Amino acid sequence: MCAHFINANLAKSNEFSNSHNSSVANTTHRRAKRSILQLASMIKCVTGCDAMLYKGYGCYCGYSGRGVPVDLIDE
């Protein structure tokens, strides 16, 4: 699952990189919206942890970034 996720995103990254090198005036950037499930999949892939473990994690996120970060992930 992770390898498929990474390969798909690398392909999209390369497409963006190649289109970005062309004339800026003629370039149309397309961004696909992603779901919360895709975010959870990415977190699982990168960290090896269930994304739900991060529910309620930290104190720095949110409007105005208030609070003291609990660690480097929270910054």
Protein backbone atom coordinates (compact mmCIF):
# COMPACT_ATOMS: atom_id res chain seq x y z
CA MET A 1 0.00 0.00 0.00
CA CYS A 2 2.75 2.48 0.96
CA ALA A 3 4.78 1.79 -2.17
CA HIS A 4 1.73 2.47 -4.35
CA PHE A 5 1.00 5.69 -2.43
CA ILE A 6 4.59 6.91 -2.71
CA ASN A 7 4.92 6.00 -6.40
CA ALA A 8 1.64 7.72 -7.28
CA ASN A 9 2.71 10.90 -5.50
CA LEU A 10 6.18 10.84 -7.06
CA ALA A 11 4.61 10.58 -10.49
CA LYS A 12 2.39 13.57 -9.74
CA SER A 13 5.40 15.46 -8.38
CA ASN A 14 7.37 14.77 -11.57
CA GLU A 15 4.45 15.92 -13.72
CA PHE A 16 4.29 19.17 -11.76
CA SER A 17 8.06 19.60 -11.94
CA ASN A 18 8.07 19.13 -15.72
CA SER A 19 5.15 21.49 -16.28
CA HIS A 20 6.73 24.06 -13.95
CA ASN A 21 9.81 24.26 -16.16
CA SER A 22 7.76 25.44 -19.13
CA SER A 23 6.76 29.04 -19.61
CA VAL A 24 5.05 30.32 -16.48
CA ALA A 25 2.52 32.32 -18.48
CA ASN A 26 1.34 29.17 -20.29
CA THR A 27 1.37 26.82 -17.31
CA THR A 28 -1.84 25.72 -15.63
CA HIS A 29 -1.28 24.13 -12.26
CA ARG A 30 -3.75 21.44 -11.35
CA ARG A 31 -4.09 20.23 -7.80
CA ALA A 32 -6.30 17.33 -6.92
CA LYS A 33 -8.15 17.56 -3.65
CA ARG A 34 -7.35 14.74 -1.30
CA SER A 35 -9.50 13.14 1.33
CA ILE A 36 -8.90 12.68 5.03
CA LEU A 37 -8.53 8.96 4.31
CA GLN A 38 -5.61 9.69 1.99
CA LEU A 39 -4.02 11.81 4.72
CA ALA A 40 -4.47 8.96 7.21
CA SER A 41 -2.91 6.57 4.70
CA MET A 42 0.08 8.87 4.27
CA ILE A 43 0.57 9.17 8.04
CA LYS A 44 0.43 5.38 8.40
CA CYS A 45 2.87 4.94 5.52
CA VAL A 46 5.41 7.49 6.73
CA THR A 47 5.27 6.97 10.50
CA GLY A 48 4.03 3.39 10.75
CA CYS A 49 1.46 4.62 13.28
CA ASP A 50 -2.31 4.61 13.09
CA ALA A 51 -3.40 8.15 12.22
CA MET A 52 -6.03 8.06 14.97
CA LEU A 53 -3.18 8.06 17.52
CA TYR A 54 -2.69 11.72 16.61
CA LYS A 55 -6.29 12.67 17.42
CA GLY A 56 -6.12 15.32 20.11
CA TYR A 57 -2.32 15.33 19.91
CA GLY A 58 -0.32 18.43 20.71
CA CYS A 59 -1.41 21.90 21.62
CA TYR A 60 0.14 24.21 19.05
CA CYS A 61 -2.12 23.51 16.06
CA GLY A 62 -5.27 25.39 15.30
CA TYR A 63 -6.27 29.00 14.98
CA SER A 64 -3.36 31.32 15.72
CA GLY A 65 -1.11 28.43 16.79
CA ARG A 66 -1.54 29.01 20.49
CA GLY A 67 0.18 27.06 23.21
CA VAL A 68 3.62 25.62 23.68
CA PRO A 69 4.59 22.86 21.21
CA VAL A 70 4.97 19.53 23.00
CA ASP A 71 7.70 18.27 20.64
CA LEU A 72 9.14 18.75 17.14
CA ILE A 73 6.13 17.14 15.46
CA ASP A 74 3.85 19.63 17.16
CA GLU A 75 5.84 22.69 16.03
